[in-house]
C-alpha atoms as a PDB file:
ATOM      1  CA  UNK A   1     145.013 -98.514  -7.651  1.00  0.00           C
ATOM      2  CA  UNK A   2     144.001-101.060  -5.161  1.00  0.00           C
ATOM      3  CA  UNK A   3     142.338 -98.625  -2.702  1.00  0.00           C
ATOM      4  CA  UNK A   4     140.585 -96.801  -5.890  1.00  0.00           C
ATOM      5  CA  UNK A   5     137.084 -95.150  -4.567  1.00  0.00           C
ATOM      6  CA  UNK A   6     133.750 -95.875  -5.855  1.00  0.00           C
ATOM      7  CA  UNK A   7     131.523 -94.111  -8.677  1.00  0.00           C
ATOM      8  CA  UNK A   8     128.834 -92.313  -8.202  1.00  0.00           C
ATOM      9  CA  UNK A   9     127.488 -95.921  -9.569  1.00  0.00           C
ATOM     10  CA  UNK A  10     128.680 -97.744  -6.740  1.00  0.00           C
ATOM     11  CA  UNK A  11     131.309 -99.280  -8.493  1.00  0.00           C
ATOM     12  CA  UNK A  12     134.752 -98.290  -9.043  1.00  0.00           C
ATOM     13  CA  UNK A  13     135.625 -95.741 -11.348  1.00  0.00           C
ATOM     14  CA  UNK A  14     136.722 -96.331 -14.944  1.00  0.00           C
ATOM     15  CA  UNK A  15     140.125 -96.510 -15.724  1.00  0.00           C
ATOM     16  CA  UNK A  16     142.251 -94.898 -18.356  1.00  0.00           C
ATOM     17  CA  UNK A  17     145.623 -96.118 -19.337  1.00  0.00           C
ATOM     18  CA  UNK A  18     147.292 -93.361 -20.793  1.00  0.00           C
ATOM     19  CA  UNK A  19     150.872 -93.865 -22.620  1.00  0.00           C
ATOM     20  CA  UNK A  20     153.621 -90.706 -23.345  1.00  0.00           C
ATOM     21  CA  UNK A  21     151.471 -89.246 -20.064  1.00  0.00           C
ATOM     22  CA  UNK A  22     154.390 -86.883 -19.180  1.00  0.00           C
ATOM     23  CA  UNK A  23     154.063 -83.934 -21.684  1.00  0.00           C
ATOM     24  CA  UNK A  24     152.119 -83.186 -25.024  1.00  0.00           C
ATOM     25  CA  UNK A  25     149.239 -84.751 -26.160  1.00  0.00           C
ATOM     26  CA  UNK A  26     149.473 -87.802 -23.717  1.00  0.00           C
ATOM     27  CA  UNK A  27     149.278 -85.599 -20.800  1.00  0.00           C
ATOM     28  CA  UNK A  28     146.264 -83.240 -22.624  1.00  0.00           C
ATOM     29  CA  UNK A  29     144.293 -86.899 -22.757  1.00  0.00           C
ATOM     30  CA  UNK A  30     145.107 -86.937 -19.018  1.00  0.00           C
ATOM     31  CA  UNK A  31     143.906 -83.392 -18.163  1.00  0.00           C
ATOM     32  CA  UNK A  32     140.480 -84.175 -20.100  1.00  0.00           C
ATOM     33  CA  UNK A  33     139.616 -87.514 -19.032  1.00  0.00           C
ATOM     34  CA  UNK A  34     140.208 -86.783 -15.147  1.00  0.00           C
ATOM     35  CA  UNK A  35     137.675 -84.226 -15.097  1.00  0.00           C
ATOM     36  CA  UNK A  36     135.324 -87.184 -16.859  1.00  0.00           C
ATOM     37  CA  UNK A  37     135.503 -89.145 -13.748  1.00  0.00           C
ATOM     38  CA  UNK A  38     138.627 -91.574 -15.049  1.00  0.00           C
ATOM     39  CA  UNK A  39     141.093 -92.684 -12.630  1.00  0.00           C
ATOM     40  CA  UNK A  40     144.017 -92.598 -14.182  1.00  0.00           C
ATOM     41  CA  UNK A  41     147.076 -94.981 -14.929  1.00  0.00           C
ATOM     42  CA  UNK A  42     149.975 -92.707 -16.454  1.00  0.00           C
ATOM     43  CA  UNK A  43     152.567 -93.959 -18.130  1.00  0.00           C
ATOM     44  CA  UNK A  44     156.262 -92.767 -19.200  1.00  0.00           C
ATOM     45  CA  UNK A  45     159.713 -92.159 -19.296  1.00  0.00           C
ATOM     46  CA  UNK A  46     160.047 -89.434 -17.086  1.00  0.00           C
ATOM     47  CA  UNK A  47     158.861 -90.039 -13.342  1.00  0.00           C
ATOM     48  CA  UNK A  48     159.165 -86.059 -11.830  1.00  0.00           C
ATOM     49  CA  UNK A  49     156.496 -85.294 -14.629  1.00  0.00           C
ATOM     50  CA  UNK A  50     154.354 -88.295 -14.315  1.00  0.00           C
ATOM     51  CA  UNK A  51     154.454 -87.256 -10.287  1.00  0.00           C
ATOM     52  CA  UNK A  52     153.204 -83.754 -11.234  1.00  0.00           C
ATOM     53  CA  UNK A  53     150.686 -84.893 -13.452  1.00  0.00           C
ATOM     54  CA  UNK A  54     149.257 -87.089 -11.091  1.00  0.00           C
ATOM     55  CA  UNK A  55     149.060 -84.676  -8.213  1.00  0.00           C
ATOM     56  CA  UNK A  56     147.308 -82.462 -10.201  1.00  0.00           C
ATOM     57  CA  UNK A  57     144.648 -84.852 -11.577  1.00  0.00           C
ATOM     58  CA  UNK A  58     144.495 -85.670  -7.459  1.00  0.00           C
ATOM     59  CA  UNK A  59     144.091 -82.147  -6.949  1.00  0.00           C
ATOM     60  CA  UNK A  60     141.823 -80.791  -9.618  1.00  0.00           C
ATOM     61  CA  UNK A  61     139.664 -83.579 -10.002  1.00  0.00           C
ATOM     62  CA  UNK A  62     139.643 -85.818  -7.046  1.00  0.00           C
ATOM     63  CA  UNK A  63     140.138 -89.027  -9.054  1.00  0.00           C
ATOM     64  CA  UNK A  64     143.691 -91.105  -8.499  1.00  0.00           C
ATOM     65  CA  UNK A  65     146.353 -91.822 -10.549  1.00  0.00           C
ATOM     66  CA  UNK A  66     148.934 -94.256 -10.270  1.00  0.00           C
ATOM     67  CA  UNK A  67     152.423 -93.697 -12.458  1.00  0.00           C
ATOM     68  CA  UNK A  68     154.517 -96.609 -14.251  1.00  0.00           C
ATOM     69  CA  UNK A  69     157.765 -94.962 -15.570  1.00  0.00           C
ATOM     70  CA  UNK A  70     158.650 -96.974 -18.639  1.00  0.00           C
ATOM     71  CA  UNK A  71     160.189 -96.759 -21.872  1.00  0.00           C
ATOM     72  CA  UNK A  72     157.811 -98.822 -24.133  1.00  0.00           C
ATOM     73  CA  UNK A  73     160.130 -99.633 -26.968  1.00  0.00           C
ATOM     74  CA  UNK A  74     162.178-101.723 -24.268  1.00  0.00           C
ATOM     75  CA  UNK A  75     160.751-105.202 -24.528  1.00  0.00           C
ATOM     76  CA  UNK A  76     161.180-105.533 -20.674  1.00  0.00           C
ATOM     77  CA  UNK A  77     159.410-102.298 -19.712  1.00  0.00           C
ATOM     78  CA  UNK A  78     157.016-103.041 -22.442  1.00  0.00           C
ATOM     79  CA  UNK A  79     155.624-106.562 -20.630  1.00  0.00           C
ATOM     80  CA  UNK A  80     155.840-105.007 -17.455  1.00  0.00           C
ATOM     81  CA  UNK A  81     153.386-102.365 -18.705  1.00  0.00           C
ATOM     82  CA  UNK A  82     151.191-105.282 -20.103  1.00  0.00           C
ATOM     83  CA  UNK A  83     151.134-107.275 -17.310  1.00  0.00           C
ATOM     84  CA  UNK A  84     149.812-103.969 -15.071  1.00  0.00           C
ATOM     85  CA  UNK A  85     147.110-103.468 -18.155  1.00  0.00           C
ATOM     86  CA  UNK A  86     146.169-106.761 -17.649  1.00  0.00           C
ATOM     87  CA  UNK A  87     145.760-106.955 -13.730  1.00  0.00           C
ATOM     88  CA  UNK A  88     143.571-104.353 -13.974  1.00  0.00           C
ATOM     89  CA  UNK A  89     139.430-105.269 -14.937  1.00  0.00           C
ATOM     90  CA  UNK A  90     138.205-101.676 -14.995  1.00  0.00           C
ATOM     91  CA  UNK A  91     140.340-100.059 -17.541  1.00  0.00           C
ATOM     92  CA  UNK A  92     137.668 -98.240 -20.202  1.00  0.00           C
ATOM     93  CA  UNK A  93     140.024 -96.008 -21.732  1.00  0.00           C
ATOM     94  CA  UNK A  94     143.455 -96.777 -23.421  1.00  0.00           C
ATOM     95  CA  UNK A  95     145.348 -93.615 -25.088  1.00  0.00           C
ATOM     96  CA  UNK A  96     148.258 -94.951 -27.056  1.00  0.00           C
ATOM     97  CA  UNK A  97     150.045 -91.425 -27.600  1.00  0.00           C
ATOM     98  CA  UNK A  98     153.917 -92.494 -26.875  1.00  0.00           C
ATOM     99  CA  UNK A  99     155.808 -91.518 -29.507  1.00  0.00           C
ATOM    100  CA  UNK A 100     158.235 -90.224 -31.519  1.00  0.00           C
ATOM    101  CA  UNK A 101     159.987 -89.268 -34.301  1.00  0.00           C
ATOM    102  CA  UNK A 102     163.328 -89.046 -35.576  1.00  0.00           C
ATOM    103  CA  UNK A 103     164.119 -86.795 -39.059  1.00  0.00           C
ATOM    104  CA  UNK A 104     166.605 -87.119 -42.023  1.00  0.00           C
ATOM    105  CA  UNK A 105     167.472 -89.549 -45.269  1.00  0.00           C
ATOM    106  CA  UNK A 106     167.016 -92.647 -44.006  1.00  0.00           C
ATOM    107  CA  UNK A 107     169.859 -93.955 -45.790  1.00  0.00           C
ATOM    108  CA  UNK A 108     171.974 -92.141 -43.262  1.00  0.00           C
ATOM    109  CA  UNK A 109     170.182 -92.377 -39.713  1.00  0.00           C
ATOM    110  CA  UNK A 110     170.539 -95.184 -36.889  1.00  0.00           C
ATOM    111  CA  UNK A 111     168.276 -97.886 -37.655  1.00  0.00           C
ATOM    112  CA  UNK A 112     168.176 -99.048 -34.836  1.00  0.00           C
ATOM    113  CA  UNK A 113     166.793 -95.744 -33.867  1.00  0.00           C
ATOM    114  CA  UNK A 114     164.012 -96.123 -36.402  1.00  0.00           C
ATOM    115  CA  UNK A 115     163.463 -99.421 -34.860  1.00  0.00           C
ATOM    116  CA  UNK A 116     162.751 -98.343 -31.821  1.00  0.00           C
ATOM    117  CA  UNK A 117     160.353 -96.016 -33.065  1.00  0.00           C
ATOM    118  CA  UNK A 118     159.016 -99.417 -35.249  1.00  0.00           C
ATOM    119  CA  UNK A 119     158.679-101.080 -31.555  1.00  0.00           C
ATOM    120  CA  UNK A 120     156.814 -97.858 -29.943  1.00  0.00           C
ATOM    121  CA  UNK A 121     154.293 -97.250 -32.375  1.00  0.00           C
ATOM    122  CA  UNK A 122     153.703-100.551 -33.706  1.00  0.00           C
ATOM    123  CA  UNK A 123     154.236-103.142 -31.051  1.00  0.00           C
ATOM    124  CA  UNK A 124     153.585-101.429 -28.185  1.00  0.00           C
ATOM    125  CA  UNK A 125     150.359-100.097 -29.421  1.00  0.00           C
ATOM    126  CA  UNK A 126     149.234-104.069 -30.329  1.00  0.00           C
ATOM    127  CA  UNK A 127     150.138-105.300 -26.962  1.00  0.00           C
ATOM    128  CA  UNK A 128     148.521-102.723 -25.319  1.00  0.00           C
ATOM    129  CA  UNK A 129     145.480-103.145 -27.057  1.00  0.00           C
ATOM    130  CA  UNK A 130     145.431-106.874 -26.722  1.00  0.00           C
ATOM    131  CA  UNK A 131     145.847-106.875 -23.092  1.00  0.00           C
ATOM    132  CA  UNK A 132     142.848-104.241 -22.229  1.00  0.00           C
ATOM    133  CA  UNK A 133     140.468-106.094 -24.475  1.00  0.00           C
ATOM    134  CA  UNK A 134     139.626-108.845 -22.666  1.00  0.00           C
ATOM    135  CA  UNK A 135     138.385-107.003 -19.752  1.00  0.00           C
ATOM    136  CA  UNK A 136     136.205-104.274 -22.216  1.00  0.00           C
ATOM    137  CA  UNK A 137     134.935-107.077 -24.079  1.00  0.00           C
ATOM    138  CA  UNK A 138     133.390-108.633 -21.119  1.00  0.00           C
ATOM    139  CA  UNK A 139     132.287-105.233 -19.727  1.00  0.00           C
ATOM    140  CA  UNK A 140     130.569-104.711 -23.063  1.00  0.00           C
ATOM    141  CA  UNK A 141     132.311-101.171 -22.910  1.00  0.00           C
ATOM    142  CA  UNK A 142     135.505 -99.126 -23.295  1.00  0.00           C
ATOM    143  CA  UNK A 143     137.422 -97.349 -25.973  1.00  0.00           C
ATOM    144  CA  UNK A 144     141.055 -97.164 -27.704  1.00  0.00           C
ATOM    145  CA  UNK A 145     142.522 -94.235 -28.838  1.00  0.00           C
ATOM    146  CA  UNK A 146     145.654 -95.255 -31.281  1.00  0.00           C
ATOM    147  CA  UNK A 147     147.263 -91.564 -31.764  1.00  0.00           C
ATOM    148  CA  UNK A 148     148.258 -91.732 -35.363  1.00  0.00           C
ATOM    149  CA  UNK A 149     149.321 -88.683 -37.835  1.00  0.00           C
ATOM    150  CA  UNK A 150     148.484 -86.657 -40.481  1.00  0.00           C
ATOM    151  CA  UNK A 151     151.792 -88.042 -41.976  1.00  0.00           C
ATOM    152  CA  UNK A 152     149.655 -91.569 -42.068  1.00  0.00           C
ATOM    153  CA  UNK A 153     147.965 -90.239 -44.902  1.00  0.00           C
ATOM    154  CA  UNK A 154     150.617 -87.496 -46.352  1.00  0.00           C
ATOM    155  CA  UNK A 155     154.095 -89.214 -45.847  1.00  0.00           C
ATOM    156  CA  UNK A 156     156.725 -86.760 -45.911  1.00  0.00           C
ATOM    157  CA  UNK A 157     160.591 -86.982 -47.129  1.00  0.00           C
ATOM    158  CA  UNK A 158     162.955 -87.679 -43.929  1.00  0.00           C
ATOM    159  CA  UNK A 159     160.380 -89.325 -41.989  1.00  0.00           C
ATOM    160  CA  UNK A 160     159.917 -92.647 -43.967  1.00  0.00           C
ATOM    161  CA  UNK A 161     159.765 -94.835 -40.779  1.00  0.00           C
ATOM    162  CA  UNK A 162     157.432 -92.632 -39.103  1.00  0.00           C
ATOM    163  CA  UNK A 163     154.971 -92.266 -41.601  1.00  0.00           C
ATOM    164  CA  UNK A 164     154.985 -96.197 -42.306  1.00  0.00           C
ATOM    165  CA  UNK A 165     154.247 -96.924 -38.594  1.00  0.00           C
ATOM    166  CA  UNK A 166     151.201 -93.939 -38.209  1.00  0.00           C
ATOM    167  CA  UNK A 167     149.593 -95.448 -41.493  1.00  0.00           C
ATOM    168  CA  UNK A 168     150.056 -99.034 -39.596  1.00  0.00           C
ATOM    169  CA  UNK A 169     148.461 -97.607 -36.369  1.00  0.00           C
ATOM    170  CA  UNK A 170     145.475 -96.365 -38.838  1.00  0.00           C
ATOM    171  CA  UNK A 171     145.120 -99.217 -40.611  1.00  0.00           C
ATOM    172  CA  UNK A 172     144.990-101.618 -37.771  1.00  0.00           C
ATOM    173  CA  UNK A 173     142.802 -98.972 -35.988  1.00  0.00           C
ATOM    174  CA  UNK A 174     140.191 -99.680 -39.111  1.00  0.00           C
ATOM    175  CA  UNK A 175     140.323-103.352 -38.820  1.00  0.00           C
ATOM    176  CA  UNK A 176     139.746-103.679 -35.510  1.00  0.00           C
ATOM    177  CA  UNK A 177     136.913-101.075 -35.587  1.00  0.00           C
ATOM    178  CA  UNK A 178     134.931-103.658 -37.911  1.00  0.00           C
ATOM    179  CA  UNK A 179     136.066-106.734 -35.604  1.00  0.00           C
ATOM    180  CA  UNK A 180     134.427-104.892 -32.549  1.00  0.00           C
ATOM    181  CA  UNK A 181     130.904-104.285 -34.485  1.00  0.00           C
ATOM    182  CA  UNK A 182     128.514-104.343 -31.330  1.00  0.00           C
ATOM    183  CA  UNK A 183     130.291-105.192 -28.921  1.00  0.00           C
ATOM    184  CA  UNK A 184     130.452-101.828 -27.195  1.00  0.00           C
ATOM    185  CA  UNK A 185     133.615-101.178 -27.357  1.00  0.00           C
ATOM    186  CA  UNK A 186     135.165 -98.363 -29.804  1.00  0.00           C
ATOM    187  CA  UNK A 187     138.209 -98.062 -31.275  1.00  0.00           C
ATOM    188  CA  UNK A 188     140.104 -94.904 -32.779  1.00  0.00           C
ATOM    189  CA  UNK A 189     142.752 -93.657 -34.797  1.00  0.00           C
ATOM    190  CA  UNK A 190     143.088 -89.606 -34.026  1.00  0.00           C
ATOM    191  CA  UNK A 191     145.549 -88.504 -37.158  1.00  0.00           C
ATOM    192  CA  UNK A 192     146.853 -84.806 -36.029  1.00  0.00           C
ATOM    193  CA  UNK A 193     148.544 -82.410 -37.958  1.00  0.00           C
ATOM    194  CA  UNK A 194     150.790 -80.092 -36.952  1.00  0.00           C
ATOM    195  CA  UNK A 195     150.677 -79.582 -32.908  1.00  0.00           C
ATOM    196  CA  UNK A 196     152.267 -76.940 -30.497  1.00  0.00           C
ATOM    197  CA  UNK A 197     154.227 -79.872 -28.269  1.00  0.00           C
ATOM    198  CA  UNK A 198     157.535 -80.563 -27.582  1.00  0.00           C
ATOM    199  CA  UNK A 199     157.257 -83.546 -29.971  1.00  0.00           C
ATOM    200  CA  UNK A 200     157.408 -81.029 -32.991  1.00  0.00           C
ATOM    201  CA  UNK A 201     160.851 -79.028 -31.350  1.00  0.00           C
ATOM    202  CA  UNK A 202     162.905 -82.673 -30.562  1.00  0.00           C
ATOM    203  CA  UNK A 203     162.326 -84.327 -34.004  1.00  0.00           C
ATOM    204  CA  UNK A 204     164.788 -82.334 -35.659  1.00  0.00           C
ATOM    205  CA  UNK A 205     163.176 -80.328 -38.491  1.00  0.00           C
ATOM    206  CA  UNK A 206     163.053 -76.809 -39.580  1.00  0.00           C
ATOM    207  CA  UNK A 207     159.390 -76.101 -39.252  1.00  0.00           C
ATOM    208  CA  UNK A 208     159.585 -72.159 -39.769  1.00  0.00           C
ATOM    209  CA  UNK A 209     158.072 -72.317 -42.863  1.00  0.00           C
ATOM    210  CA  UNK A 210     154.988 -73.759 -41.703  1.00  0.00           C
ATOM    211  CA  UNK A 211     152.368 -71.234 -41.820  1.00  0.00           C
ATOM    212  CA  UNK A 212     150.720 -70.251 -38.447  1.00  0.00           C
ATOM    213  CA  UNK A 213     147.163 -71.314 -39.755  1.00  0.00           C
ATOM    214  CA  UNK A 214     148.246 -74.956 -40.177  1.00  0.00           C
ATOM    215  CA  UNK A 215     149.067 -75.451 -36.420  1.00  0.00           C
ATOM    216  CA  UNK A 216     146.378 -76.627 -33.900  1.00  0.00           C
ATOM    217  CA  UNK A 217     146.908 -76.743 -29.832  1.00  0.00           C
ATOM    218  CA  UNK A 218     147.244 -79.694 -27.642  1.00  0.00           C
ATOM    219  CA  UNK A 219     144.496 -79.353 -26.539  1.00  0.00           C
ATOM    220  CA  UNK A 220     141.804 -78.440 -29.487  1.00  0.00           C
ATOM    221  CA  UNK A 221     143.403 -82.483 -30.792  1.00  0.00           C
ATOM    222  CA  UNK A 222     142.133 -84.038 -27.767  1.00  0.00           C
ATOM    223  CA  UNK A 223     138.749 -82.385 -27.706  1.00  0.00           C
ATOM    224  CA  UNK A 224     138.338 -83.004 -31.359  1.00  0.00           C
ATOM    225  CA  UNK A 225     139.062 -86.528 -30.174  1.00  0.00           C
ATOM    226  CA  UNK A 226     136.773 -87.175 -27.693  1.00  0.00           C
ATOM    227  CA  UNK A 227     134.211 -85.884 -29.866  1.00  0.00           C
ATOM    228  CA  UNK A 228     134.516 -88.223 -32.617  1.00  0.00           C
ATOM    229  CA  UNK A 229     134.755 -90.830 -29.930  1.00  0.00           C
ATOM    230  CA  UNK A 230     131.573 -90.102 -28.704  1.00  0.00           C
ATOM    231  CA  UNK A 231     130.066 -89.867 -31.848  1.00  0.00           C
ATOM    232  CA  UNK A 232     131.242 -93.010 -33.010  1.00  0.00           C
ATOM    233  CA  UNK A 233     133.885 -92.082 -35.341  1.00  0.00           C
ATOM    234  CA  UNK A 234     137.088 -94.306 -36.021  1.00  0.00           C
ATOM    235  CA  UNK A 235     139.333 -92.251 -37.597  1.00  0.00           C
ATOM    236  CA  UNK A 236     139.260 -88.815 -36.191  1.00  0.00           C
ATOM    237  CA  UNK A 237     141.708 -85.976 -38.523  1.00  0.00           C
ATOM    238  CA  UNK A 238     140.990 -82.494 -36.080  1.00  0.00           C
ATOM    239  CA  UNK A 239     141.257 -79.127 -38.680  1.00  0.00           C
ATOM    240  CA  UNK A 240     139.111 -78.587 -41.458  1.00  0.00           C
ATOM    241  CA  UNK A 241     142.299 -78.229 -43.400  1.00  0.00           C
ATOM    242  CA  UNK A 242     144.379 -81.574 -41.983  1.00  0.00           C
ATOM    243  CA  UNK A 243     140.456 -82.937 -43.380  1.00  0.00           C
ATOM    244  CA  UNK A 244     140.960 -81.882 -46.665  1.00  0.00           C
ATOM    245  CA  UNK A 245     144.703 -82.810 -46.810  1.00  0.00           C
ATOM    246  CA  UNK A 246     143.623 -86.672 -45.816  1.00  0.00           C
ATOM    247  CA  UNK A 247     140.983 -86.806 -48.562  1.00  0.00           C
ATOM    248  CA  UNK A 248     143.263 -85.494 -51.084  1.00  0.00           C
ATOM    249  CA  UNK A 249     145.874 -87.530 -50.404  1.00  0.00           C
ATOM    250  CA  UNK A 250     144.073 -90.663 -52.036  1.00  0.00           C
ATOM    251  CA  UNK A 251     143.854 -89.347 -55.729  1.00  0.00           C
ATOM    252  CA  UNK A 252     146.382 -86.235 -55.477  1.00  0.00           C
ATOM    253  CA  UNK A 253     148.982 -88.241 -52.902  1.00  0.00           C
ATOM    254  CA  UNK A 254     152.356 -87.620 -54.731  1.00  0.00           C
ATOM    255  CA  UNK A 255     151.147 -83.921 -55.347  1.00  0.00           C
ATOM    256  CA  UNK A 256     149.757 -83.133 -51.853  1.00  0.00           C
ATOM    257  CA  UNK A 257     153.238 -84.947 -50.237  1.00  0.00           C
ATOM    258  CA  UNK A 258     155.509 -82.728 -52.615  1.00  0.00           C
ATOM    259  CA  UNK A 259     153.298 -79.602 -51.353  1.00  0.00           C
ATOM    260  CA  UNK A 260     153.654 -79.646 -47.978  1.00  0.00           C
ATOM    261  CA  UNK A 261     156.838 -80.899 -48.277  1.00  0.00           C
ATOM    262  CA  UNK A 262     157.954 -77.469 -50.029  1.00  0.00           C
ATOM    263  CA  UNK A 263     155.690 -75.511 -47.635  1.00  0.00           C
ATOM    264  CA  UNK A 264     157.430 -77.077 -44.380  1.00  0.00           C
ATOM    265  CA  UNK A 265     160.803 -77.416 -45.450  1.00  0.00           C
ATOM    266  CA  UNK A 266     160.946 -81.506 -44.474  1.00  0.00           C
ATOM    267  CA  UNK A 267     162.764 -82.173 -47.497  1.00  0.00           C
ATOM    268  CA  UNK A 268     166.179 -83.940 -46.400  1.00  0.00           C
ATOM    269  CA  UNK A 269     168.746 -84.233 -49.521  1.00  0.00           C
ATOM    270  CA  UNK A 270     170.678 -86.943 -49.754  1.00  0.00           C
ATOM    271  CA  UNK A 271     173.784 -86.435 -48.126  1.00  0.00           C
ATOM    272  CA  UNK A 272     172.605 -84.599 -45.394  1.00  0.00           C
ATOM    273  CA  UNK A 273     173.297 -86.131 -41.817  1.00  0.00           C
ATOM    274  CA  UNK A 274     170.061 -86.809 -40.193  1.00  0.00           C
ATOM    275  CA  UNK A 275     169.220 -85.111 -36.625  1.00  0.00           C
ATOM    276  CA  UNK A 276     168.942 -86.997 -33.632  1.00  0.00           C
ATOM    277  CA  UNK A 277     166.370 -85.739 -31.184  1.00  0.00           C
ATOM    278  CA  UNK A 278     165.601 -86.785 -27.791  1.00  0.00           C
ATOM    279  CA  UNK A 279     162.553 -88.761 -28.223  1.00  0.00           C
ATOM    280  CA  UNK A 280     159.761 -87.014 -27.085  1.00  0.00           C
ATOM    281  CA  UNK A 281     156.539 -89.026 -25.454  1.00  0.00           C
ATOM    282  CA  UNK A 282     153.968 -88.353 -27.442  1.00  0.00           C
ATOM    283  CA  UNK A 283     153.183 -88.590 -31.002  1.00  0.00           C
ATOM    284  CA  UNK A 284     152.679 -85.537 -33.032  1.00  0.00           C
ATOM    285  CA  UNK A 285     152.641 -84.194 -38.340  1.00  0.00           C
ATOM    286  CA  UNK A 286     152.030 -84.230 -36.212  1.00  0.00           C
END
């Protein structure tokens, strides 16, 4: 990204760093931010998909896209991406969208895979946010979007660690947003519900009982996120039904939790072996 073109204002174009960019919400953010004039720094595990995304951005929107192949649950890979992020002073949007889910009784899941999830959803989010903030604060503008989940409000049986990590992302975002008031830097926690991405197919849960009206398309979720970001909303829960569920989760948390679990068929009886999906690189409830 050393030969990036200049923006209409004469300086280099702003950069959007997007993790989990090879598919799902990460890829959708890349498609949405290119037309807004952002050069892209795309991070994910799958090189071929990243190359396709980069070529698409160049052809359709005339922006430069750099790719970094990395597994952010791996300490060495994460450090490499953090160092690259620190070296680019023009990053004005960070989208922490990398993530995966595992479905199964907590007592029987592979605890190392659970810890990979913690490292990806929590450590990578914290490290990358910390890496980009100094340049954003100096420029007095910038945004961080942490892709959490409706599961932060309505944690489901069979997804104990997933829901907990997403709740962390929401809490982290809310606290940071208050810290950064008046600096020109915005923070958002995006909390989508059921979203039609490959994430849903890879987490090992039976989603056939989820009504069609509860699903959203990735482009709808991203459009809601960017609209909310423009308005300065710290927490974005796309979809009317999802917002209702999030609001009811406080006073009626247990009732809502059991109702959603029953509707979605996600309740995992003790003694049932956990599914081991291939990790998806976008976070979705998602």
